[in-house]
Amino acid sequence: MIDTFSDWLGLAQGWLFETVVQPLVFQLGFGEFVEDAFEGTEWLLIGVLELALLFLVLRPLESMLPAQKITDPRARWNDFLYTVLHRVGIFPVLIFFTLDPLLDSVAAALRFDGFHPFNLEALWPGISPLAAFFVYFVVLDFFDYWYHRGSHKFNWWWALHGLHHSQQNMNLWSDNRNHLLDDLLRDIYMGVIALGIGVEPAQYVLLVSVSRILQSLQHANVRVHFGWLGERLLVSPRYHRMHHAIGAGHENADGKPGGCNFAVLLPVWDILFRTANFTPAFAATGIRDQLPGPDGTPGREYGRGFWAQQWLGLKRMVEYARKEVV
């Protein structure tokens, strides 16, 4: 199945590259980057297919089974901008295909000294492509859980990640509402781990795509859950909504950084490390400090437009880092 999909994707990638991307690259005078452009075409194609899938499936579902009424359509449009920028694959392409030759050079030097780099598939000789895909899926999700949990642990990091949680009208596009610096750090982290355990470029593309589609479902404004067993096998919109719940998902009972439901795809990590909250509720989303104070003072501003959100995120990072030092 994976091989068949990869073959069809390869044909589509070749056609798009030869008819559109390659002529444009040479016309713009970037001929020396033609090989990178070919790799980038695959990410672009996958991203376009993902956007089409989200529009055709999740967007109608949000209209039929909304978890909350959208009170700020502009905020949803802003999230859509983030999703379009993210789905063209700029960061994954730059990070993965910059790290790939770098780590290849390191691996070559190690082999010269008689050391062979680790490859996860080598632990199971003869493992099928589908089984290998699932193994990588689980391992990468484990590391993603700890990255996500770390972004709630340290104040300076939460200052960046808080942009993601500040959406009070959470919707299917909200998964990509992130600070660019946070995105960059995560893509470097996941790219290093993927290459370190032997994930091939074609496998990585599919792993990222499946993860992104599932995360879009989690953030969708839909009154959907997977039942008692399903909620413990795969993160659902209801389960992840609790992670975005005001005063619950992003902080502990004492108001300090923490929260619950950090699992990115598989709730098993929350269960094992005691951070799961299976409360069957579709809670209001946002951050406590966005709410007006008891005396009527306005809450913290996280920005309404793309650039304002990015700038305020950097200001929060400096502000929170200073508090940690003091």
Protein backbone atom coordinates (compact mmCIF):
# COMPACT_ATOMS: atom_id res chain seq x y z
CA MET A 1 0.00 0.00 0.00
CA ILE A 2 2.75 2.42 0.98
CA ASP A 3 4.81 1.42 -2.07
CA THR A 4 1.82 1.97 -4.39
CA PHE A 5 1.10 5.37 -2.88
CA SER A 6 4.77 6.33 -3.19
CA ASP A 7 4.77 5.30 -6.88
CA TRP A 8 1.71 7.44 -7.66
CA LEU A 9 3.14 10.31 -5.68
CA GLY A 10 6.43 10.02 -7.54
CA LEU A 11 4.68 10.22 -10.92
CA ALA A 12 2.72 13.30 -9.84
CA GLN A 13 5.85 14.89 -8.39
CA GLY A 14 7.79 14.31 -11.63
CA TRP A 15 5.02 15.83 -13.74
CA LEU A 16 4.61 18.90 -11.51
CA PHE A 17 8.36 19.44 -11.34
CA GLU A 18 8.98 19.16 -15.09
CA THR A 19 6.00 21.24 -16.19
CA VAL A 20 5.89 23.96 -13.50
CA VAL A 21 8.64 24.02 -10.91
CA GLN A 22 11.78 23.38 -12.99
CA PRO A 23 11.00 26.01 -15.66
CA LEU A 24 10.22 28.52 -12.91
CA VAL A 25 13.47 27.74 -11.06
CA PHE A 26 15.58 28.32 -14.18
CA GLN A 27 13.60 31.42 -15.15
CA LEU A 28 14.34 32.94 -11.73
CA GLY A 29 18.04 32.11 -12.05
CA PHE A 30 18.16 29.51 -9.28
CA GLY A 31 19.45 26.63 -11.39
CA GLU A 32 21.95 25.54 -8.72
CA PHE A 33 19.01 24.70 -6.43
CA VAL A 34 17.17 22.52 -8.94
CA GLU A 35 17.80 19.32 -6.95
CA ASP A 36 16.46 20.89 -3.76
CA ALA A 37 13.48 22.19 -5.74
CA PHE A 38 12.68 18.64 -6.83
CA GLU A 39 12.60 17.48 -3.20
CA GLY A 40 10.52 20.52 -2.27
CA THR A 41 8.00 19.68 -4.99
CA GLU A 42 7.06 16.52 -3.12
CA TRP A 43 6.32 18.48 0.07
CA LEU A 44 4.34 21.04 -1.93
CA LEU A 45 2.28 18.31 -3.61
CA ILE A 46 1.56 16.57 -0.31
CA GLY A 47 0.57 19.90 1.25
CA VAL A 48 -1.88 20.72 -1.54
CA LEU A 49 -3.47 17.27 -1.22
CA GLU A 50 -3.77 17.76 2.54
CA LEU A 51 -5.46 21.16 2.11
CA ALA A 52 -7.95 19.63 -0.33
CA LEU A 53 -8.70 16.79 2.09
CA LEU A 54 -9.26 19.21 4.99
CA PHE A 55 -11.61 21.35 2.90
CA LEU A 56 -13.62 18.38 1.64
CA VAL A 57 -13.91 16.45 4.92
CA LEU A 58 -13.21 18.45 8.06
CA ARG A 59 -14.62 21.81 7.03
CA PRO A 60 -18.12 20.39 6.32
CA LEU A 61 -17.91 18.38 9.55
CA GLU A 62 -17.26 21.58 11.50
CA SER A 63 -20.42 23.07 10.02
CA MET A 64 -22.54 20.01 10.88
CA LEU A 65 -21.22 19.22 14.37
CA PRO A 66 -19.64 22.35 15.88
CA ALA A 67 -18.25 22.10 19.41
CA GLN A 68 -18.67 25.86 19.88
CA LYS A 69 -19.99 28.82 17.93
CA ILE A 70 -17.27 30.69 16.05
CA THR A 71 -17.36 34.25 17.40
CA ASP A 72 -14.33 35.61 15.52
CA PRO A 73 -14.21 34.51 11.85
CA ARG A 74 -11.11 36.65 11.30
CA ALA A 75 -9.20 34.52 13.79
CA ARG A 76 -10.08 31.41 11.78
CA TRP A 77 -8.89 33.04 8.56
CA ASN A 78 -5.63 33.94 10.28
CA ASP A 79 -5.17 30.29 11.29
CA PHE A 80 -5.82 29.31 7.67
CA LEU A 81 -2.90 31.53 6.64
CA TYR A 82 -0.65 29.66 9.06
CA THR A 83 -1.82 26.35 7.61
CA VAL A 84 -1.12 27.37 4.01
CA LEU A 85 2.38 28.56 4.93
CA HIS A 86 3.03 25.38 6.89
CA ARG A 87 1.69 22.97 4.28
CA VAL A 88 4.03 24.20 1.53
CA GLY A 89 6.71 22.54 3.64
CA ILE A 90 9.27 25.33 3.91
CA PHE A 91 10.64 24.39 7.32
CA PRO A 92 10.56 20.57 6.93
CA VAL A 93 12.31 20.83 3.55
CA LEU A 94 15.02 23.19 4.77
CA ILE A 95 15.64 21.31 8.01
CA PHE A 96 15.43 17.68 6.86
CA PHE A 97 17.35 18.12 3.63
CA THR A 98 19.96 20.34 5.29
CA LEU A 99 20.46 17.87 8.11
CA ASP A 100 20.46 14.85 5.78
CA PRO A 101 23.75 15.62 3.97
CA LEU A 102 25.28 16.91 7.22
CA LEU A 103 24.50 13.68 9.08
CA ASP A 104 25.58 11.65 6.04
CA SER A 105 29.00 13.30 6.31
CA VAL A 106 29.16 12.49 10.01
CA ALA A 107 28.07 8.89 9.33
CA ALA A 108 30.74 8.52 6.62
CA ALA A 109 33.41 9.73 9.01
CA LEU A 110 32.20 7.30 11.68
CA ARG A 111 32.18 4.39 9.22
CA PHE A 112 35.78 5.22 8.32
CA ASP A 113 36.58 4.62 11.99
CA GLY A 114 34.67 1.33 11.98
CA PHE A 115 31.42 2.62 13.55
CA HIS A 116 28.09 1.90 11.85
CA PRO A 117 25.21 4.32 12.56
CA PHE A 118 22.03 3.07 14.21
CA ASN A 119 19.10 2.02 12.04
CA LEU A 120 15.85 1.06 13.76
CA GLU A 121 14.75 -1.29 10.97
CA ALA A 122 17.93 -3.33 11.42
CA LEU A 123 16.51 -4.60 14.72
CA TRP A 124 13.80 -6.48 12.77
CA PRO A 125 15.33 -8.08 9.65
CA GLY A 126 12.72 -8.53 6.92
CA ILE A 127 10.23 -6.10 8.47
CA SER A 128 7.58 -4.96 5.96
CA PRO A 129 7.40 -1.31 4.85
CA LEU A 130 4.01 -0.90 6.56
CA ALA A 131 5.29 -2.32 9.85
CA ALA A 132 8.41 -0.15 9.66
CA PHE A 133 6.20 2.89 9.06
CA PHE A 134 4.18 2.10 12.20
CA VAL A 135 7.34 1.60 14.29
CA TYR A 136 8.71 4.97 13.20
CA PHE A 137 5.28 6.51 13.79
CA VAL A 138 5.26 5.34 17.42
CA VAL A 139 8.88 6.25 18.15
CA LEU A 140 8.63 9.74 16.68
CA ASP A 141 5.37 10.35 18.53
CA PHE A 142 7.09 9.41 21.81
CA PHE A 143 9.74 12.07 21.26
CA ASP A 144 7.11 14.56 20.10
CA TYR A 145 5.25 14.04 23.39
CA TRP A 146 8.32 15.12 25.36
CA TYR A 147 8.95 18.11 23.11
CA HIS A 148 5.36 19.23 23.62
CA ARG A 149 5.52 18.67 27.36
CA GLY A 150 8.75 20.67 27.52
CA SER A 151 7.06 23.62 25.82
CA HIS A 152 4.68 23.75 28.80
CA LYS A 153 7.41 23.33 31.42
CA PHE A 154 9.73 26.29 30.83
CA ASN A 155 8.38 29.83 30.94
CA TRP A 156 10.39 31.19 27.99
CA TRP A 157 9.28 28.25 25.85
CA TRP A 158 5.66 28.57 26.94
CA ALA A 159 5.86 32.24 25.91
CA LEU A 160 6.25 31.03 22.32
CA HIS A 161 3.92 28.04 22.52
CA GLY A 162 1.27 30.20 24.18
CA LEU A 163 0.45 31.64 20.75
CA HIS A 164 -0.91 28.22 19.79
CA HIS A 165 -3.10 28.08 22.90
CA SER A 166 -4.38 31.64 22.62
CA GLN A 167 -6.98 30.71 19.99
CA GLN A 168 -10.37 31.03 21.70
CA ASN A 169 -12.12 29.91 18.50
CA MET A 170 -10.17 26.67 17.97
CA ASN A 171 -10.72 25.17 14.53
CA LEU A 172 -9.24 22.73 12.04
CA TRP A 173 -6.58 25.25 10.96
CA SER A 174 -5.41 25.96 14.52
CA ASP A 175 -2.84 23.16 14.57
CA ASN A 176 -0.46 25.36 12.56
CA ARG A 177 -1.02 28.54 14.60
CA ASN A 178 2.50 28.50 16.05
CA HIS A 179 5.35 30.90 16.53
CA LEU A 180 7.86 30.50 13.70
CA LEU A 181 10.73 30.08 16.17
CA ASP A 182 8.86 27.29 17.95
CA ASP A 183 8.17 25.62 14.59
CA LEU A 184 11.84 25.89 13.67
CA LEU A 185 12.99 24.34 16.95
CA ARG A 186 10.51 21.47 16.64
CA ASP A 187 11.40 20.72 13.02
CA ILE A 188 15.11 20.60 13.88
CA TYR A 189 14.39 18.34 16.87
CA MET A 190 12.18 15.93 14.91
CA GLY A 191 14.46 15.99 11.86
CA VAL A 192 17.52 15.03 13.92
CA ILE A 193 15.64 12.18 15.62
CA ALA A 194 14.17 10.88 12.34
CA LEU A 195 17.56 10.82 10.66
CA GLY A 196 19.18 9.40 13.79
CA ILE A 197 16.93 6.31 13.78
CA GLY A 198 17.27 5.73 10.05
CA VAL A 199 14.08 7.21 8.57
CA GLU A 200 14.39 7.55 4.80
CA PRO A 201 13.30 10.83 3.14
CA ALA A 202 10.28 9.19 1.43
CA GLN A 203 9.19 7.66 4.76
CA TYR A 204 9.60 10.99 6.52
CA VAL A 205 7.33 12.76 4.05
CA LEU A 206 4.52 10.25 4.68
CA LEU A 207 5.06 10.25 8.45
CA VAL A 208 4.81 14.05 8.60
CA SER A 209 1.75 14.08 6.34
CA VAL A 210 -0.18 11.51 8.39
CA SER A 211 0.72 13.34 11.60
CA ARG A 212 -0.42 16.70 10.21
CA ILE A 213 -3.77 15.35 9.03
CA LEU A 214 -4.48 13.73 12.40
CA GLN A 215 -3.50 16.91 14.25
CA SER A 216 -5.84 18.97 12.06
CA LEU A 217 -8.64 16.59 13.07
CA GLN A 218 -7.75 17.01 16.76
CA HIS A 219 -8.04 20.79 16.55
CA ALA A 220 -11.23 20.78 14.49
CA ASN A 221 -14.25 22.54 15.97
CA VAL A 222 -16.28 19.33 16.02
CA ARG A 223 -18.28 17.64 18.77
CA VAL A 224 -16.60 14.28 18.18
CA HIS A 225 -14.99 11.69 20.41
CA PHE A 226 -13.82 8.10 19.83
CA GLY A 227 -15.50 6.29 22.74
CA TRP A 228 -13.88 4.86 25.87
CA LEU A 229 -11.41 2.63 24.04
CA GLY A 230 -10.80 4.87 21.02
CA GLU A 231 -9.97 7.86 23.23
CA ARG A 232 -7.12 5.78 24.70
CA LEU A 233 -5.78 4.67 21.31
CA LEU A 234 -5.78 7.93 19.33
CA VAL A 235 -6.04 11.57 20.34
CA SER A 236 -9.56 12.78 19.52
CA PRO A 237 -10.95 16.32 19.11
CA ARG A 238 -12.55 16.11 22.57
CA TYR A 239 -9.39 14.77 24.24
CA HIS A 240 -7.17 17.42 22.68
CA ARG A 241 -9.70 20.17 23.36
CA MET A 242 -9.15 19.52 27.07
CA HIS A 243 -5.47 20.28 26.47
CA HIS A 244 -6.56 23.70 25.16
CA ALA A 245 -9.08 24.25 27.97
CA ILE A 246 -8.72 27.49 29.92
CA GLY A 247 -7.08 26.82 33.28
CA ALA A 248 -6.71 23.08 32.72
CA GLY A 249 -4.70 22.15 29.65
CA HIS A 250 -1.87 24.65 29.99
CA GLU A 251 -1.39 25.00 33.76
CA ASN A 252 -1.49 23.00 36.97
CA ALA A 253 -3.92 23.56 39.86
CA ASP A 254 -1.41 26.00 41.40
CA GLY A 255 -1.44 28.13 38.25
CA LYS A 256 2.15 27.22 37.33
CA PRO A 257 3.13 25.89 33.88
CA GLY A 258 1.99 22.31 33.33
CA GLY A 259 -1.36 20.94 32.27
CA CYS A 260 -2.60 17.69 30.74
CA ASN A 261 -3.10 15.73 27.51
CA PHE A 262 0.28 16.48 25.94
CA ALA A 263 0.12 13.47 23.61
CA VAL A 264 0.45 14.52 19.99
CA LEU A 265 -1.11 11.41 18.44
CA LEU A 266 -1.12 8.49 20.89
CA PRO A 267 -2.68 8.97 24.37
CA VAL A 268 -0.63 6.05 25.69
CA TRP A 269 2.17 8.48 26.60
CA ASP A 270 -0.19 10.57 28.74
CA ILE A 271 -1.44 7.39 30.40
CA LEU A 272 2.06 6.08 31.11
CA PHE A 273 3.38 9.40 32.44
CA ARG A 274 0.19 10.36 34.32
CA THR A 275 -0.75 13.44 32.33
CA ALA A 276 -4.04 12.14 30.87
CA ASN A 277 -7.38 13.83 31.51
CA PHE A 278 -10.34 11.98 29.99
CA THR A 279 -13.00 14.36 31.30
CA PRO A 280 -15.90 14.02 28.77
CA ALA A 281 -16.36 17.74 28.12
CA PHE A 282 -15.96 20.13 25.19
CA ALA A 283 -14.38 22.95 27.19
CA ALA A 284 -13.85 26.60 26.24
CA THR A 285 -10.35 27.16 24.83
CA GLY A 286 -7.76 29.84 25.45
CA ILE A 287 -5.37 31.02 28.17
CA ARG A 288 -6.40 32.29 31.58
CA ASP A 289 -4.48 35.57 31.30
CA GLN A 290 -6.51 36.49 28.20
CA LEU A 291 -9.60 36.88 30.39
CA PRO A 292 -10.47 40.26 31.98
CA GLY A 293 -9.33 40.69 35.59
CA PRO A 294 -11.73 40.82 38.57
CA ASP A 295 -11.51 44.61 38.48
CA GLY A 296 -12.38 44.72 34.78
CA THR A 297 -8.82 45.23 33.51
CA PRO A 298 -8.33 43.75 30.04
CA GLY A 299 -6.50 40.46 29.63
CA ARG A 300 -3.16 39.94 27.91
CA GLU A 301 -3.09 40.66 24.18
CA TYR A 302 -1.72 37.87 21.98
CA GLY A 303 -2.26 39.67 18.66
CA ARG A 304 -4.87 39.32 15.97
CA GLY A 305 -2.76 39.30 12.83
CA PHE A 306 0.19 37.13 11.81
CA TRP A 307 2.98 39.66 12.34
CA ALA A 308 1.52 41.01 15.59
CA GLN A 309 1.33 37.46 16.97
CA GLN A 310 4.94 36.73 16.00
CA TRP A 311 6.23 39.99 17.51
CA LEU A 312 4.29 39.62 20.75
CA GLY A 313 5.57 36.06 21.08
CA LEU A 314 9.16 37.28 21.03
CA LYS A 315 8.33 39.99 23.59
CA ARG A 316 6.74 37.40 25.89
CA MET A 317 9.78 35.15 25.55
CA VAL A 318 12.09 37.93 26.75
CA GLU A 319 9.65 38.93 29.50
CA TYR A 320 9.22 35.38 30.84
CA ALA A 321 12.94 34.59 30.56
CA ARG A 322 13.73 37.59 32.74
CA LYS A 323 11.27 36.36 35.37
CA GLU A 324 13.03 32.99 35.46
CA VAL A 325 16.41 34.67 35.97
CA VAL A 326 15.06 36.86 38.75
